PDB file of N, CA and C in Angstrom:
ATOM      1  N   UNK A   1    -126.667  -6.990 -28.856  1.00  0.00           N
ATOM      2  CA  UNK A   1    -127.745  -6.804 -27.725  1.00  0.00           C
ATOM      3  C   UNK A   1    -129.815  -6.514 -28.482  1.00  0.00           C
ATOM      4  N   UNK A   2    -130.715  -6.640 -28.359  1.00  0.00           N
ATOM      5  CA  UNK A   2    -131.361  -6.089 -28.346  1.00  0.00           C
ATOM      6  C   UNK A   2    -132.632  -5.442 -27.381  1.00  0.00           C
ATOM      7  N   UNK A   3    -132.659  -4.706 -27.939  1.00  0.00           N
ATOM      8  CA  UNK A   3    -133.924  -3.613 -27.050  1.00  0.00           C
ATOM      9  C   UNK A   3    -134.462  -4.448 -25.390  1.00  0.00           C
ATOM     10  N   UNK A   4    -135.147  -5.409 -25.513  1.00  0.00           N
ATOM     11  CA  UNK A   4    -135.348  -6.172 -24.766  1.00  0.00           C
ATOM     12  C   UNK A   4    -134.565  -7.041 -23.930  1.00  0.00           C
ATOM     13  N   UNK A   5    -133.288  -7.494 -23.657  1.00  0.00           N
ATOM     14  CA  UNK A   5    -132.389  -7.809 -23.231  1.00  0.00           C
ATOM     15  C   UNK A   5    -131.904  -7.404 -22.727  1.00  0.00           C
ATOM     16  N   UNK A   6    -131.353  -5.522 -22.910  1.00  0.00           N
ATOM     17  CA  UNK A   6    -131.040  -4.120 -22.577  1.00  0.00           C
ATOM     18  C   UNK A   6    -131.901  -4.038 -21.478  1.00  0.00           C
ATOM     19  N   UNK A   7    -132.989  -4.046 -21.659  1.00  0.00           N
ATOM     20  CA  UNK A   7    -133.854  -3.636 -21.154  1.00  0.00           C
ATOM     21  C   UNK A   7    -133.766  -4.664 -19.253  1.00  0.00           C
ATOM     22  N   UNK A   8    -133.732  -5.765 -19.479  1.00  0.00           N
ATOM     23  CA  UNK A   8    -133.152  -7.042 -18.301  1.00  0.00           C
ATOM     24  C   UNK A   8    -131.956  -6.185 -17.796  1.00  0.00           C
ATOM     25  N   UNK A   9    -131.138  -6.571 -18.689  1.00  0.00           N
ATOM     26  CA  UNK A   9    -129.702  -6.443 -17.937  1.00  0.00           C
ATOM     27  C   UNK A   9    -129.552  -5.085 -17.706  1.00  0.00           C
ATOM     28  N   UNK A  10    -129.664  -3.934 -17.904  1.00  0.00           N
ATOM     29  CA  UNK A  10    -129.471  -2.912 -17.374  1.00  0.00           C
ATOM     30  C   UNK A  10    -130.057  -2.353 -15.616  1.00  0.00           C
ATOM     31  N   UNK A  11    -130.730  -2.963 -15.351  1.00  0.00           N
ATOM     32  CA  UNK A  11    -130.760  -3.204 -13.631  1.00  0.00           C
ATOM     33  C   UNK A  11    -130.097  -3.955 -12.999  1.00  0.00           C
ATOM     34  N   UNK A  12    -129.745  -4.953 -13.558  1.00  0.00           N
ATOM     35  CA  UNK A  12    -129.043  -6.083 -12.990  1.00  0.00           C
ATOM     36  C   UNK A  12    -127.469  -4.944 -12.517  1.00  0.00           C
ATOM     37  N   UNK A  13    -127.252  -4.944 -14.070  1.00  0.00           N
ATOM     38  CA  UNK A  13    -125.928  -3.826 -14.231  1.00  0.00           C
ATOM     39  C   UNK A  13    -125.817  -2.914 -12.597  1.00  0.00           C
ATOM     40  N   UNK A  14    -126.975  -1.689 -13.100  1.00  0.00           N
ATOM     41  CA  UNK A  14    -126.982  -0.728 -11.706  1.00  0.00           C
ATOM     42  C   UNK A  14    -126.800  -1.126 -10.825  1.00  0.00           C
ATOM     43  N   UNK A  15    -127.883  -2.605 -10.312  1.00  0.00           N
ATOM     44  CA  UNK A  15    -126.826  -2.680  -8.712  1.00  0.00           C
ATOM     45  C   UNK A  15    -126.283  -3.079  -8.649  1.00  0.00           C
ATOM     46  N   UNK A  16    -124.992  -4.525  -9.522  1.00  0.00           N
ATOM     47  CA  UNK A  16    -124.428  -4.377  -8.691  1.00  0.00           C
ATOM     48  C   UNK A  16    -123.387  -3.788  -8.535  1.00  0.00           C
ATOM     49  N   UNK A  17    -123.019  -2.701 -10.061  1.00  0.00           N
ATOM     50  CA  UNK A  17    -121.854  -1.669 -10.314  1.00  0.00           C
ATOM     51  C   UNK A  17    -122.217  -1.405  -8.203  1.00  0.00           C
ATOM     52  N   UNK A  18    -123.475  -0.775  -7.956  1.00  0.00           N
ATOM     53  CA  UNK A  18    -123.887   0.584  -6.480  1.00  0.00           C
ATOM     54  C   UNK A  18    -123.357  -0.465  -5.033  1.00  0.00           C
ATOM     55  N   UNK A  19    -124.277  -2.298  -5.986  1.00  0.00           N
ATOM     56  CA  UNK A  19    -122.849  -2.771  -4.015  1.00  0.00           C
ATOM     57  C   UNK A  19    -121.977  -2.914  -4.519  1.00  0.00           C
ATOM     58  N   UNK A  20    -120.870  -2.357  -5.264  1.00  0.00           N
ATOM     59  CA  UNK A  20    -119.697  -2.756  -5.438  1.00  0.00           C
ATOM     60  C   UNK A  20    -119.081  -1.457  -4.892  1.00  0.00           C
ATOM     61  N   UNK A  21    -119.815  -0.644  -5.611  1.00  0.00           N
ATOM     62  CA  UNK A  21    -119.123   0.959  -4.448  1.00  0.00           C
ATOM     63  C   UNK A  21    -119.613   1.002  -2.849  1.00  0.00           C
ATOM     64  N   UNK A  22    -120.494   0.470  -2.797  1.00  0.00           N
ATOM     65  CA  UNK A  22    -120.279   0.854  -1.103  1.00  0.00           C
ATOM     66  C   UNK A  22    -119.660  -0.623  -0.946  1.00  0.00           C
ATOM     67  N   UNK A  23    -120.026  -1.213  -1.219  1.00  0.00           N
ATOM     68  CA  UNK A  23    -118.272  -2.711  -0.581  1.00  0.00           C
ATOM     69  C   UNK A  23    -116.785  -2.072  -0.989  1.00  0.00           C
ATOM     70  N   UNK A  24    -116.694  -1.364  -1.565  1.00  0.00           N
ATOM     71  CA  UNK A  24    -115.380  -0.901  -2.017  1.00  0.00           C
ATOM     72  C   UNK A  24    -114.613  -0.218  -0.779  1.00  0.00           C
ATOM     73  N   UNK A  25    -115.954   1.179  -1.145  1.00  0.00           N
ATOM     74  CA  UNK A  25    -115.521   2.064  -0.758  1.00  0.00           C
ATOM     75  C   UNK A  25    -116.774   2.629   0.694  1.00  0.00           C
ATOM     76  N   UNK A  26    -116.599   2.682   1.350  1.00  0.00           N
ATOM     77  CA  UNK A  26    -117.353   2.451   2.498  1.00  0.00           C
ATOM     78  C   UNK A  26    -117.351   4.205   3.019  1.00  0.00           C
ATOM     79  N   UNK A  27    -116.483   5.222   2.364  1.00  0.00           N
ATOM     80  CA  UNK A  27    -116.850   6.968   2.744  1.00  0.00           C
ATOM     81  C   UNK A  27    -118.281   6.435   2.067  1.00  0.00           C
ATOM     82  N   UNK A  28    -118.081   6.262   0.808  1.00  0.00           N
ATOM     83  CA  UNK A  28    -119.832   6.513   0.050  1.00  0.00           C
ATOM     84  C   UNK A  28    -121.208   6.289   0.622  1.00  0.00           C
ATOM     85  N   UNK A  29    -121.070   5.999   1.495  1.00  0.00           N
ATOM     86  CA  UNK A  29    -122.295   5.298   1.912  1.00  0.00           C
ATOM     87  C   UNK A  29    -122.399   6.304   3.149  1.00  0.00           C
ATOM     88  N   UNK A  30    -121.864   6.705   4.219  1.00  0.00           N
ATOM     89  CA  UNK A  30    -121.404   7.638   5.199  1.00  0.00           C
ATOM     90  C   UNK A  30    -122.594   8.333   4.425  1.00  0.00           C
ATOM     91  N   UNK A  31    -122.330   9.190   5.830  1.00  0.00           N
ATOM     92  CA  UNK A  31    -123.007  10.423   6.360  1.00  0.00           C
ATOM     93  C   UNK A  31    -122.673  11.943   5.861  1.00  0.00           C
ATOM     94  N   UNK A  32    -123.497  12.780   5.596  1.00  0.00           N
ATOM     95  CA  UNK A  32    -122.545  13.979   4.271  1.00  0.00           C
ATOM     96  C   UNK A  32    -123.804  15.068   5.565  1.00  0.00           C
ATOM     97  N   UNK A  33    -122.558  15.713   6.267  1.00  0.00           N
ATOM     98  CA  UNK A  33    -123.184  17.106   7.282  1.00  0.00           C
ATOM     99  C   UNK A  33    -123.514  18.060   5.763  1.00  0.00           C
ATOM    100  N   UNK A  34    -125.195  18.124   5.954  1.00  0.00           N
ATOM    101  CA  UNK A  34    -125.139  19.328   4.864  1.00  0.00           C
ATOM    102  C   UNK A  34    -125.662  20.376   5.780  1.00  0.00           C
ATOM    103  N   UNK A  35    -125.641  20.754   7.580  1.00  0.00           N
ATOM    104  CA  UNK A  35    -126.083  21.090   8.097  1.00  0.00           C
ATOM    105  C   UNK A  35    -126.057  22.957   7.801  1.00  0.00           C
ATOM    106  N   UNK A  36    -124.481  23.181   7.556  1.00  0.00           N
ATOM    107  CA  UNK A  36    -124.425  24.190   7.292  1.00  0.00           C
ATOM    108  C   UNK A  36    -124.411  24.814   5.836  1.00  0.00           C
ATOM    109  N   UNK A  37    -124.484  23.847   4.611  1.00  0.00           N
ATOM    110  CA  UNK A  37    -126.076  24.728   3.861  1.00  0.00           C
ATOM    111  C   UNK A  37    -126.759  24.695   4.080  1.00  0.00           C
ATOM    112  N   UNK A  38    -127.716  24.303   4.679  1.00  0.00           N
ATOM    113  CA  UNK A  38    -128.904  24.109   5.067  1.00  0.00           C
ATOM    114  C   UNK A  38    -129.151  25.310   5.039  1.00  0.00           C
ATOM    115  N   UNK A  39    -128.787  25.695   6.980  1.00  0.00           N
ATOM    116  CA  UNK A  39    -128.078  27.112   7.577  1.00  0.00           C
ATOM    117  C   UNK A  39    -128.354  27.825   6.202  1.00  0.00           C
ATOM    118  N   UNK A  40    -127.072  28.435   5.489  1.00  0.00           N
ATOM    119  CA  UNK A  40    -127.310  28.824   4.717  1.00  0.00           C
ATOM    120  C   UNK A  40    -128.236  29.132   3.810  1.00  0.00           C
ATOM    121  N   UNK A  41    -128.862  28.358   3.478  1.00  0.00           N
ATOM    122  CA  UNK A  41    -130.145  28.534   2.479  1.00  0.00           C
ATOM    123  C   UNK A  41    -131.195  28.907   3.365  1.00  0.00           C
ATOM    124  N   UNK A  42    -131.802  28.651   4.349  1.00  0.00           N
ATOM    125  CA  UNK A  42    -132.486  28.925   4.483  1.00  0.00           C
ATOM    126  C   UNK A  42    -132.187  30.701   5.471  1.00  0.00           C
ATOM    127  N   UNK A  43    -131.061  30.833   6.118  1.00  0.00           N
ATOM    128  CA  UNK A  43    -131.080  32.754   6.267  1.00  0.00           C
ATOM    129  C   UNK A  43    -130.719  32.916   4.281  1.00  0.00           C
ATOM    130  N   UNK A  44    -130.676  32.515   3.585  1.00  0.00           N
ATOM    131  CA  UNK A  44    -130.349  33.399   2.172  1.00  0.00           C
ATOM    132  C   UNK A  44    -131.524  33.268   1.641  1.00  0.00           C
ATOM    133  N   UNK A  45    -132.537  32.057   1.964  1.00  0.00           N
ATOM    134  CA  UNK A  45    -133.799  31.330   1.189  1.00  0.00           C
ATOM    135  C   UNK A  45    -134.600  32.665   1.505  1.00  0.00           C
ATOM    136  N   UNK A  46    -135.064  33.011   2.651  1.00  0.00           N
ATOM    137  CA  UNK A  46    -135.822  33.981   3.618  1.00  0.00           C
ATOM    138  C   UNK A  46    -135.562  34.461   2.916  1.00  0.00           C
ATOM    139  N   UNK A  47    -134.366  35.986   3.156  1.00  0.00           N
ATOM    140  CA  UNK A  47    -134.022  37.331   2.571  1.00  0.00           C
ATOM    141  C   UNK A  47    -134.242  37.622   1.257  1.00  0.00           C
ATOM    142  N   UNK A  48    -134.291  36.635   0.026  1.00  0.00           N
ATOM    143  CA  UNK A  48    -134.529  36.972  -0.834  1.00  0.00           C
ATOM    144  C   UNK A  48    -136.341  36.141  -1.209  1.00  0.00           C
ATOM    145  N   UNK A  49    -136.837  35.822  -0.691  1.00  0.00           N
ATOM    146  CA  UNK A  49    -138.137  35.706  -0.738  1.00  0.00           C
ATOM    147  C   UNK A  49    -138.770  36.770  -0.005  1.00  0.00           C
ATOM    148  N   UNK A  50    -137.941  37.585   1.150  1.00  0.00           N
ATOM    149  CA  UNK A  50    -139.064  38.667   1.132  1.00  0.00           C
ATOM    150  C   UNK A  50    -138.987  40.045   0.571  1.00  0.00           C
ATOM    151  N   UNK A  51    -137.538  39.864  -0.201  1.00  0.00           N
ATOM    152  CA  UNK A  51    -137.447  41.535  -1.207  1.00  0.00           C
ATOM    153  C   UNK A  51    -138.234  41.232  -2.315  1.00  0.00           C
ATOM    154  N   UNK A  52    -138.176  40.042  -2.796  1.00  0.00           N
ATOM    155  CA  UNK A  52    -138.698  39.590  -3.201  1.00  0.00           C
ATOM    156  C   UNK A  52    -140.540  40.224  -3.213  1.00  0.00           C
ATOM    157  N   UNK A  53    -140.545  39.501  -2.430  1.00  0.00           N
ATOM    158  CA  UNK A  53    -142.651  39.787  -1.836  1.00  0.00           C
ATOM    159  C   UNK A  53    -142.710  41.315  -2.196  1.00  0.00           C
ATOM    160  N   UNK A  54    -141.694  41.661  -1.146  1.00  0.00           N
ATOM    161  CA  UNK A  54    -141.844  42.893  -0.999  1.00  0.00           C
ATOM    162  C   UNK A  54    -142.067  44.233  -2.134  1.00  0.00           C
ATOM    163  N   UNK A  55    -141.286  43.914  -3.275  1.00  0.00           N
ATOM    164  CA  UNK A  55    -141.310  44.773  -4.600  1.00  0.00           C
ATOM    165  C   UNK A  55    -142.208  44.269  -5.398  1.00  0.00           C
ATOM    166  N   UNK A  56    -142.677  42.710  -5.659  1.00  0.00           N
ATOM    167  CA  UNK A  56    -143.700  42.937  -6.471  1.00  0.00           C
ATOM    168  C   UNK A  56    -145.059  43.300  -5.386  1.00  0.00           C
ATOM    169  N   UNK A  57    -144.817  43.459  -3.985  1.00  0.00           N
ATOM    170  CA  UNK A  57    -146.458  44.630  -3.603  1.00  0.00           C
ATOM    171  C   UNK A  57    -146.381  45.845  -4.164  1.00  0.00           C
ATOM    172  N   UNK A  58    -145.320  46.188  -4.859  1.00  0.00           N
ATOM    173  CA  UNK A  58    -144.753  47.958  -4.418  1.00  0.00           C
ATOM    174  C   UNK A  58    -145.437  47.637  -6.169  1.00  0.00           C
ATOM    175  N   UNK A  59    -144.566  46.430  -6.582  1.00  0.00           N
ATOM    176  CA  UNK A  59    -144.955  47.109  -7.980  1.00  0.00           C
ATOM    177  C   UNK A  59    -146.838  46.866  -8.268  1.00  0.00           C
ATOM    178  N   UNK A  60    -147.504  46.414  -7.171  1.00  0.00           N
ATOM    179  CA  UNK A  60    -148.869  45.698  -7.015  1.00  0.00           C
ATOM    180  C   UNK A  60    -149.104  48.010  -6.589  1.00  0.00           C
ATOM    181  N   UNK A  61    -148.997  47.880  -5.525  1.00  0.00           N
ATOM    182  CA  UNK A  61    -149.138  49.021  -4.732  1.00  0.00           C
ATOM    183  C   UNK A  61    -149.082  50.351  -6.170  1.00  0.00           C
ATOM    184  N   UNK A  62    -148.097  50.295  -7.086  1.00  0.00           N
ATOM    185  CA  UNK A  62    -147.993  51.421  -8.498  1.00  0.00           C
ATOM    186  C   UNK A  62    -149.274  51.429  -9.425  1.00  0.00           C
ATOM    187  N   UNK A  63    -149.097  50.081  -8.929  1.00  0.00           N
ATOM    188  CA  UNK A  63    -150.361  49.863 -10.536  1.00  0.00           C
ATOM    189  C   UNK A  63    -151.247  49.840 -10.396  1.00  0.00           C
ATOM    190  N   UNK A  64    -151.795  49.979  -8.893  1.00  0.00           N
ATOM    191  CA  UNK A  64    -153.282  50.541  -8.232  1.00  0.00           C
ATOM    192  C   UNK A  64    -152.978  51.754  -8.751  1.00  0.00           C
ATOM    193  N   UNK A  65    -152.176  52.672  -8.146  1.00  0.00           N
ATOM    194  CA  UNK A  65    -151.856  53.648  -8.387  1.00  0.00           C
ATOM    195  C   UNK A  65    -152.075  54.861  -9.584  1.00  0.00           C
ATOM    196  N   UNK A  66    -151.578  53.876 -10.565  1.00  0.00           N
ATOM    197  CA  UNK A  66    -151.475  54.264 -11.961  1.00  0.00           C
ATOM    198  C   UNK A  66    -153.472  54.169 -12.088  1.00  0.00           C
ATOM    199  N   UNK A  67    -153.510  53.259 -12.161  1.00  0.00           N
ATOM    200  CA  UNK A  67    -155.197  53.316 -12.501  1.00  0.00           C
ATOM    201  C   UNK A  67    -156.066  53.442 -11.672  1.00  0.00           C
ATOM    202  N   UNK A  68    -155.403  54.477 -10.959  1.00  0.00           N
ATOM    203  CA  UNK A  68    -156.620  54.868 -10.068  1.00  0.00           C
ATOM    204  C   UNK A  68    -156.378  57.013 -10.803  1.00  0.00           C
ATOM    205  N   UNK A  69    -155.361  57.658 -10.866  1.00  0.00           N
ATOM    206  CA  UNK A  69    -154.414  58.296 -11.903  1.00  0.00           C
ATOM    207  C   UNK A  69    -155.890  58.336 -13.247  1.00  0.00           C
ATOM    208  N   UNK A  70    -155.128  57.037 -13.894  1.00  0.00           N
ATOM    209  CA  UNK A  70    -156.170  57.100 -14.738  1.00  0.00           C
ATOM    210  C   UNK A  70    -157.055  57.880 -14.930  1.00  0.00           C
ATOM    211  N   UNK A  71    -158.488  56.563 -14.193  1.00  0.00           N
ATOM    212  CA  UNK A  71    -159.898  56.705 -13.627  1.00  0.00           C
ATOM    213  C   UNK A  71    -159.806  58.050 -14.312  1.00  0.00           C
ATOM    214  N   UNK A  72    -158.886  58.480 -13.003  1.00  0.00           N
ATOM    215  CA  UNK A  72    -159.297  60.025 -12.645  1.00  0.00           C
ATOM    216  C   UNK A  72    -159.599  60.562 -13.898  1.00  0.00           C
ATOM    217  N   UNK A  73    -157.971  61.224 -15.078  1.00  0.00           N
ATOM    218  CA  UNK A  73    -157.645  61.782 -15.780  1.00  0.00           C
ATOM    219  C   UNK A  73    -158.901  61.244 -16.829  1.00  0.00           C
ATOM    220  N   UNK A  74    -159.274  60.303 -16.873  1.00  0.00           N
ATOM    221  CA  UNK A  74    -159.947  59.862 -18.197  1.00  0.00           C
ATOM    222  C   UNK A  74    -161.669  59.477 -17.901  1.00  0.00           C
ATOM    223  N   UNK A  75    -161.000  59.736 -16.844  1.00  0.00           N
ATOM    224  CA  UNK A  75    -162.501  59.526 -16.289  1.00  0.00           C
ATOM    225  C   UNK A  75    -163.843  58.539 -16.635  1.00  0.00           C
TER     226      UNK A  75
END
């Protein structure tokens, strides 16, 4: 097969396989409950972002104090 005919056949083959899977296995198209995962990600994600933000602000404060002390010492 040359590349041009492969480019024409591949989308058709992909569509045929997708239709076959949905037709043969109806559970494949059933709704998936993701509420527990979404809740966990939201809760844990908020805690992680908060702790990272606090750490970055703390480092920025240390950098400001260090620059202030360096300027006071070396003038």
